[in-house]
Amino acid sequence: MSSPAHDAVMSGQTWDAFCDTLKRAGRQVLRNEAAASELDRAEGWRYLTRLLRLGLEMHVEFADAEFPGFFAPSHETAKIGADNPDNLYLMARVDGRHAYRIRGRRGTVSYLSFGTQKGGYETDGRMEQTGFLDARDLRCAPDGSFELHLSPDPRPGNWLRLEDASNAVIVRQTFDDRARETAATMRIERADDAAPLLRPRPLDAETLARGLSRAAGFVEGTATVFADWAQGYLTHVNALPSADQAICQSAGGDPNIHYHHSAWALDPDQMLVIRLPRIPECRFWNLQINNWWMESLDYRYHRIHHNAHSARRDADGGVTMVLAHRDPGHPNWLETAGHTRGTMCLRWVGAREHVEPATELRPFAKDVAR
């Protein structure tokens, strides 16, 4: 029997609507306030293609909550909203009306958290938390193995809350030193009393139309959310104030993290000195440099972030970092990687206090004092 979704897929209307939304998303790259060098504009268009890759993973390839699987919602070549270079992100689609089980091995990674969420950037630009588990509270067997239950009602042992509107579980793994730490490994499956189908149903028109619509909406919605954030930072360029934590949390932030966000701009003969007067007791901290689109700069080839492992301390225990176009002879140099404008983020994880950084724009000089 014919249906609107069937007719739209058969006629190509579904594809046309998908492409129209992607075309409209391009307006975010062309915003008047956005950085507009050749590099920035090229990265802006590439950013949309990266969002599309992530959107298709989220809403087409891994969208079936009956047969969930983990994928990376942000990584070295596809990035969202000041993605943490020290993180390994995992995401799986769930349906809050069902129950799930995650089985895995803890590993040795410095910080690990699990959160269930509802909403999405493709809808209202919000991704609100519905449950959270800090791995400090995760019960593991002597060999590091664990089992975590996700359900609306509490379960014995490790449990992560779902509500009816929950549609995703996000896993954050944060490394102090990737070379020495071992990531957690895990898989997810349905765990209802009523067993799901043995295998997924064949793709149908309605499922494809919904997935393509959401994937394109994700591109436009995500680009809009973080373009709005970057625009807001223009009121305090080269400073690094505390962000509005409620806004950060509504966009999917980890509740253990306190965020500082801002924009930066440097002429060729300038450098930005960023000083943390002290490092409070905390589980992790880092500072990273992003492009205008709030993508971390390419940390595979450039030093664009520092954390407690990589940063050299000052004599008084604080940390001074220097953002500059070329090497100032400072051990905590942060590279611009060819950019003259961008955004930046400082995060404190589990800190007893949130130390405010001091920033100073100076003429470029070699061997800047620490």
Protein backbone atom coordinates (compact mmCIF):
# COMPACT_ATOMS: atom_id res chain seq x y z
CA MET A 1 0.00 0.00 0.00
CA SER A 2 1.29 3.44 -0.92
CA SER A 3 2.18 5.97 1.78
CA PRO A 4 3.56 9.54 1.73
CA ALA A 5 7.00 8.21 2.73
CA HIS A 6 6.87 5.55 0.01
CA ASP A 7 5.86 8.08 -2.63
CA ALA A 8 8.56 10.57 -1.54
CA VAL A 9 11.30 7.94 -1.67
CA MET A 10 10.14 6.56 -5.00
CA SER A 11 9.91 10.02 -6.60
CA GLY A 12 13.17 11.35 -5.19
CA GLN A 13 11.44 14.00 -3.10
CA THR A 14 13.08 12.59 0.05
CA TRP A 15 16.52 13.10 -1.47
CA ASP A 16 15.66 16.59 -2.72
CA ALA A 17 14.50 17.65 0.76
CA PHE A 18 17.70 16.20 2.26
CA CYS A 19 19.84 18.20 -0.17
CA ASP A 20 17.80 21.38 0.36
CA THR A 21 18.45 21.27 4.12
CA LEU A 22 22.17 20.76 3.53
CA LYS A 23 22.21 23.72 1.16
CA ARG A 24 20.49 25.88 3.79
CA ALA A 25 23.06 24.79 6.40
CA GLY A 26 25.70 26.58 4.32
CA ARG A 27 24.34 29.92 5.49
CA GLN A 28 26.10 29.34 8.81
CA VAL A 29 29.49 29.34 7.07
CA LEU A 30 28.67 32.66 5.42
CA ARG A 31 27.61 34.54 8.57
CA ASN A 32 28.95 38.09 8.64
CA GLU A 33 30.86 37.73 11.90
CA ALA A 34 32.51 34.42 11.02
CA ALA A 35 36.22 34.19 10.32
CA ALA A 36 36.55 34.49 6.54
CA SER A 37 40.12 33.83 5.44
CA GLU A 38 40.60 31.27 2.71
CA LEU A 39 41.58 28.73 5.39
CA ASP A 40 38.57 29.50 7.59
CA ARG A 41 36.09 29.40 4.71
CA ALA A 42 37.53 26.13 3.39
CA GLU A 43 37.39 24.63 6.87
CA GLY A 44 33.81 25.83 7.22
CA TRP A 45 32.69 23.87 4.16
CA ARG A 46 34.71 20.87 5.28
CA TYR A 47 33.06 21.19 8.71
CA LEU A 48 29.65 20.69 7.12
CA THR A 49 30.85 17.53 5.36
CA ARG A 50 32.19 16.27 8.66
CA LEU A 51 28.89 16.97 10.38
CA LEU A 52 27.15 15.10 7.59
CA ARG A 53 29.33 12.04 8.16
CA LEU A 54 28.48 12.12 11.86
CA GLY A 55 24.81 12.76 11.17
CA LEU A 56 24.55 9.76 8.87
CA GLU A 57 26.21 7.58 11.51
CA MET A 58 23.81 8.83 14.19
CA HIS A 59 20.57 8.80 12.22
CA VAL A 60 20.98 6.21 9.46
CA GLU A 61 23.74 3.65 10.07
CA PHE A 62 23.42 3.35 13.88
CA ALA A 63 19.88 4.63 14.33
CA ASP A 64 18.18 1.33 15.18
CA ALA A 65 17.62 1.27 18.95
CA GLU A 66 16.54 -2.37 18.68
CA PHE A 67 20.09 -3.27 17.62
CA PRO A 68 22.30 -0.56 19.15
CA GLY A 69 26.01 -0.24 18.58
CA PHE A 70 28.67 2.21 19.65
CA PHE A 71 30.18 4.68 17.19
CA ALA A 72 32.39 7.76 17.60
CA PRO A 73 30.32 10.98 17.56
CA SER A 74 33.49 13.09 17.48
CA HIS A 75 37.04 12.15 16.54
CA GLU A 76 40.19 13.30 14.74
CA THR A 77 38.44 14.11 11.44
CA ALA A 78 34.89 14.93 12.52
CA LYS A 79 34.41 17.36 15.41
CA ILE A 80 31.66 19.09 17.35
CA GLY A 81 31.53 21.95 19.85
CA ALA A 82 35.10 22.21 21.21
CA ASP A 83 35.65 18.46 21.11
CA ASN A 84 38.24 17.46 23.70
CA PRO A 85 41.52 16.31 22.05
CA ASP A 86 42.17 14.15 25.12
CA ASN A 87 38.85 12.32 24.80
CA LEU A 88 37.63 9.14 23.20
CA TYR A 89 33.89 9.58 22.65
CA LEU A 90 31.38 6.78 22.15
CA MET A 91 27.65 7.03 21.45
CA ALA A 92 24.81 4.56 20.95
CA ARG A 93 21.17 5.09 20.10
CA VAL A 94 18.63 3.84 22.64
CA ASP A 95 14.87 3.96 23.19
CA GLY A 96 14.01 5.06 26.72
CA ARG A 97 11.07 2.67 26.87
CA HIS A 98 13.40 -0.33 26.66
CA ALA A 99 16.21 -1.72 28.80
CA TYR A 100 19.82 -2.19 27.73
CA ARG A 101 23.02 -3.70 29.01
CA ILE A 102 26.60 -2.51 28.48
CA ARG A 103 29.32 -5.08 29.06
CA GLY A 104 32.95 -4.07 29.01
CA ARG A 105 36.35 -3.80 30.60
CA ARG A 106 37.35 -0.68 32.57
CA GLY A 107 40.88 -0.17 31.26
CA THR A 108 43.13 2.43 32.88
CA VAL A 109 41.94 5.65 31.25
CA SER A 110 42.07 8.59 33.66
CA TYR A 111 38.40 9.60 33.50
CA LEU A 112 35.33 7.68 32.34
CA SER A 113 31.67 8.68 32.45
CA PHE A 114 28.35 7.43 31.06
CA GLY A 115 25.34 9.64 30.38
CA THR A 116 21.93 9.12 28.82
CA GLN A 117 20.44 12.03 26.90
CA LYS A 118 17.33 13.25 25.15
CA GLY A 119 16.76 15.77 22.36
CA GLY A 120 19.32 16.56 19.73
CA TYR A 121 20.87 19.39 17.74
CA GLU A 122 18.60 18.44 14.84
CA THR A 123 15.51 19.38 16.86
CA ASP A 124 15.78 22.27 19.32
CA GLY A 125 19.57 22.48 19.66
CA ARG A 126 19.47 20.86 23.10
CA MET A 127 20.84 17.51 24.27
CA GLU A 128 19.72 17.20 27.89
CA GLN A 129 20.90 14.61 30.34
CA THR A 130 18.49 11.99 31.67
CA GLY A 131 20.97 9.86 33.65
CA PHE A 132 24.63 9.90 34.64
CA LEU A 133 27.19 7.50 36.08
CA ASP A 134 30.72 8.45 37.04
CA ALA A 135 33.09 5.50 36.68
CA ARG A 136 34.26 6.21 40.23
CA ASP A 137 30.97 4.58 41.20
CA LEU A 138 31.25 1.76 38.66
CA ARG A 139 31.59 -1.65 40.29
CA CYS A 140 34.08 -3.80 38.40
CA ALA A 141 35.26 -7.39 38.81
CA PRO A 142 38.92 -7.98 39.78
CA ASP A 143 39.79 -8.34 36.09
CA GLY A 144 38.23 -4.93 35.33
CA SER A 145 35.13 -6.31 33.63
CA PHE A 146 31.79 -4.64 34.31
CA GLU A 147 28.12 -4.81 33.45
CA LEU A 148 25.99 -1.67 33.37
CA HIS A 149 22.18 -1.70 33.15
CA LEU A 150 20.24 1.09 31.42
CA SER A 151 16.52 1.17 32.23
CA PRO A 152 13.69 3.41 33.47
CA ASP A 153 13.58 1.58 36.82
CA PRO A 154 16.55 1.02 39.14
CA ARG A 155 18.42 -2.28 38.82
CA PRO A 156 20.84 -3.96 41.24
CA GLY A 157 24.50 -3.24 40.64
CA ASN A 158 25.59 -0.66 38.10
CA TRP A 159 22.57 1.26 36.81
CA LEU A 160 22.08 4.21 34.46
CA ARG A 161 18.70 5.92 34.32
CA LEU A 162 16.57 6.15 31.19
CA GLU A 163 13.36 8.10 30.77
CA ASP A 164 10.81 7.72 27.99
CA ALA A 165 12.41 10.47 25.90
CA SER A 166 15.99 9.16 26.27
CA ASN A 167 17.46 8.48 22.83
CA ALA A 168 21.22 8.14 23.32
CA VAL A 169 23.97 7.07 25.69
CA ILE A 170 27.25 9.02 25.58
CA VAL A 171 30.53 7.65 26.94
CA ARG A 172 33.45 9.99 27.63
CA GLN A 173 36.95 8.63 28.17
CA THR A 174 39.60 11.23 29.02
CA PHE A 175 43.32 10.52 28.84
CA ASP A 176 46.13 12.27 30.67
CA ASP A 177 48.60 10.39 28.48
CA ARG A 178 47.24 8.29 25.61
CA ALA A 179 50.56 6.49 25.18
CA ARG A 180 50.38 5.00 28.69
CA GLU A 181 46.69 4.56 29.39
CA THR A 182 44.37 1.83 28.13
CA ALA A 183 40.90 2.75 26.90
CA ALA A 184 37.83 0.96 28.21
CA THR A 185 36.21 -1.45 25.76
CA MET A 186 32.49 -2.13 25.69
CA ARG A 187 29.46 -3.25 23.73
CA ILE A 188 25.75 -2.56 24.17
CA GLU A 189 22.66 -4.72 23.62
CA ARG A 190 18.96 -4.79 24.37
CA ALA A 191 18.14 -6.43 27.70
CA ASP A 192 14.34 -6.53 27.85
CA ASP A 193 12.45 -9.57 29.06
CA ALA A 194 10.92 -9.73 25.60
CA ALA A 195 13.81 -10.54 23.29
CA PRO A 196 14.13 -8.33 20.21
CA LEU A 197 14.14 -9.66 16.68
CA LEU A 198 17.01 -11.93 15.76
CA ARG A 199 18.08 -9.50 13.05
CA PRO A 200 17.10 -6.00 11.93
CA ARG A 201 14.15 -5.50 9.62
CA PRO A 202 14.92 -4.60 6.00
CA LEU A 203 15.19 -0.89 5.33
CA ASP A 204 11.88 0.73 4.38
CA ALA A 205 10.90 4.10 2.96
CA GLU A 206 9.71 5.60 6.24
CA THR A 207 12.89 4.64 8.11
CA LEU A 208 15.12 6.04 5.36
CA ALA A 209 13.13 9.27 5.04
CA ARG A 210 13.22 9.84 8.80
CA GLY A 211 16.95 9.10 8.97
CA LEU A 212 17.91 11.38 6.10
CA SER A 213 15.74 14.19 7.44
CA ARG A 214 17.32 13.93 10.88
CA ALA A 215 20.84 13.66 9.49
CA ALA A 216 20.44 16.83 7.42
CA GLY A 217 18.75 18.54 10.35
CA PHE A 218 21.69 17.55 12.51
CA VAL A 219 24.09 19.29 10.11
CA GLU A 220 22.06 22.50 10.07
CA GLY A 221 21.22 22.43 13.78
CA THR A 222 24.75 21.70 14.97
CA ALA A 223 26.29 24.32 12.69
CA THR A 224 23.77 26.88 13.96
CA VAL A 225 24.21 26.11 17.67
CA PHE A 226 27.97 26.50 17.65
CA ALA A 227 28.02 29.42 15.22
CA ASP A 228 25.78 31.18 17.74
CA TRP A 229 28.18 30.26 20.54
CA ALA A 230 31.20 31.58 18.62
CA GLN A 231 29.37 34.83 17.87
CA GLY A 232 28.68 35.26 21.58
CA TYR A 233 32.40 35.06 22.37
CA LEU A 234 33.08 38.23 20.37
CA THR A 235 32.26 40.26 23.50
CA HIS A 236 35.43 38.99 25.24
CA VAL A 237 38.00 38.17 22.54
CA ASN A 238 41.38 37.04 24.00
CA ALA A 239 39.91 36.71 27.48
CA LEU A 240 38.78 33.36 28.87
CA PRO A 241 35.85 33.80 31.24
CA SER A 242 33.74 31.09 32.77
CA ALA A 243 31.00 29.98 30.38
CA ASP A 244 27.31 29.80 31.20
CA GLN A 245 27.33 26.29 32.65
CA ALA A 246 23.58 25.81 32.17
CA ILE A 247 23.99 26.38 28.43
CA CYS A 248 26.93 23.98 28.31
CA GLN A 249 24.92 21.30 30.11
CA SER A 250 21.88 21.79 27.90
CA ALA A 251 24.08 21.07 24.89
CA GLY A 252 25.27 17.75 26.29
CA GLY A 253 28.10 18.75 28.64
CA ASP A 254 29.40 16.43 31.33
CA PRO A 255 28.13 17.53 34.79
CA ASN A 256 31.57 16.94 36.32
CA ILE A 257 33.10 19.54 33.99
CA HIS A 258 33.29 23.31 34.45
CA TYR A 259 33.88 25.06 31.11
CA HIS A 260 35.52 28.32 30.05
CA HIS A 261 34.94 29.37 26.42
CA SER A 262 36.07 32.33 24.35
CA ALA A 263 37.36 33.58 21.02
CA TRP A 264 40.91 34.60 20.15
CA ALA A 265 42.45 36.78 17.44
CA LEU A 266 46.16 37.29 16.77
CA ASP A 267 48.04 39.43 14.28
CA PRO A 268 51.28 37.90 12.91
CA ASP A 269 53.41 39.86 15.40
CA GLN A 270 51.27 39.12 18.47
CA MET A 271 51.00 36.34 21.03
CA LEU A 272 48.46 35.56 23.73
CA VAL A 273 49.81 34.60 27.14
CA ILE A 274 47.38 32.47 29.17
CA ARG A 275 48.23 32.08 32.85
CA LEU A 276 46.66 29.65 35.32
CA PRO A 277 47.85 31.07 38.66
CA ARG A 278 47.37 27.70 40.35
CA ILE A 279 46.06 24.26 39.53
CA PRO A 280 43.30 23.29 41.96
CA GLU A 281 42.74 19.77 43.17
CA CYS A 282 40.92 18.17 40.25
CA ARG A 283 40.65 14.95 38.28
CA PHE A 284 41.70 16.52 34.99
CA TRP A 285 42.18 19.84 33.26
CA ASN A 286 43.17 20.98 29.81
CA LEU A 287 43.17 24.02 27.56
CA GLN A 288 42.66 23.70 23.81
CA ILE A 289 42.68 25.92 20.73
CA ASN A 290 39.89 25.61 18.16
CA ASN A 291 39.05 27.12 14.81
CA TRP A 292 36.11 29.48 14.39
CA TRP A 293 33.75 26.52 13.88
CA MET A 294 34.67 25.22 17.35
CA GLU A 295 36.58 22.26 15.99
CA SER A 296 39.77 21.48 17.88
CA LEU A 297 42.73 22.24 15.62
CA ASP A 298 44.49 19.22 14.16
CA TYR A 299 46.08 17.72 17.25
CA ARG A 300 47.55 14.86 15.22
CA TYR A 301 50.19 17.20 13.81
CA HIS A 302 50.14 20.37 15.95
CA ARG A 303 50.46 21.06 19.67
CA ILE A 304 47.10 22.77 20.20
CA HIS A 305 46.33 21.73 23.78
CA HIS A 306 47.95 21.09 27.13
CA ASN A 307 46.91 19.14 30.21
CA ALA A 308 48.51 18.20 33.52
CA HIS A 309 50.70 15.61 31.82
CA SER A 310 52.02 17.75 28.96
CA ALA A 311 52.24 21.23 30.51
CA ARG A 312 55.39 22.34 32.31
CA ARG A 313 54.62 24.01 35.64
CA ASP A 314 55.90 27.43 36.63
CA ALA A 315 58.13 27.76 39.70
CA ASP A 316 55.11 28.80 41.79
CA GLY A 317 53.05 25.79 40.70
CA GLY A 318 50.89 27.63 38.18
CA VAL A 319 50.95 27.08 34.43
CA THR A 320 51.70 29.62 31.70
CA MET A 321 50.79 28.83 28.08
CA VAL A 322 51.56 30.92 25.00
CA LEU A 323 49.44 30.98 21.86
CA ALA A 324 51.51 32.21 18.93
CA HIS A 325 51.92 31.78 15.18
CA ARG A 326 55.53 30.67 15.58
CA ASP A 327 57.59 29.10 18.33
CA PRO A 328 58.27 31.65 21.11
CA GLY A 329 60.75 29.32 22.78
CA HIS A 330 58.28 28.47 25.53
CA PRO A 331 57.70 24.85 26.60
CA ASN A 332 53.94 25.38 26.68
CA TRP A 333 53.59 26.86 23.20
CA LEU A 334 50.14 26.46 21.63
CA GLU A 335 50.14 26.54 17.83
CA THR A 336 47.67 28.49 15.70
CA ALA A 337 48.21 26.07 12.79
CA GLY A 338 47.86 28.87 10.26
CA HIS A 339 44.78 30.52 11.78
CA THR A 340 44.48 34.16 12.83
CA ARG A 341 41.10 33.79 14.56
CA GLY A 342 39.36 31.02 16.41
CA THR A 343 37.86 29.87 19.68
CA MET A 344 39.33 28.21 22.78
CA CYS A 345 38.20 26.16 25.74
CA LEU A 346 39.48 25.48 29.25
CA ARG A 347 37.86 22.69 31.25
CA TRP A 348 38.18 21.70 34.89
CA VAL A 349 36.98 18.15 35.67
CA GLY A 350 35.93 17.43 39.24
CA ALA A 351 37.72 20.53 40.53
CA ARG A 352 37.25 21.77 44.09
CA GLU A 353 37.42 25.31 42.70
CA HIS A 354 37.37 26.80 39.24
CA VAL A 355 40.46 28.95 38.92
CA GLU A 356 40.01 31.92 36.61
CA PRO A 357 42.75 32.21 33.97
CA ALA A 358 44.48 35.51 33.26
CA THR A 359 45.23 36.44 29.65
CA GLU A 360 47.45 39.12 28.13
CA LEU A 361 47.90 40.04 24.48
CA ARG A 362 51.55 40.97 23.89
CA PRO A 363 53.92 41.70 20.99
CA PHE A 364 55.60 38.50 19.89
CA ALA A 365 58.89 37.83 21.66
CA LYS A 366 61.18 34.83 21.87
CA ASP A 367 61.82 33.18 25.22
CA VAL A 368 58.82 34.78 26.90
CA ALA A 369 59.16 34.73 30.68
CA ARG A 370 57.35 31.94 32.51
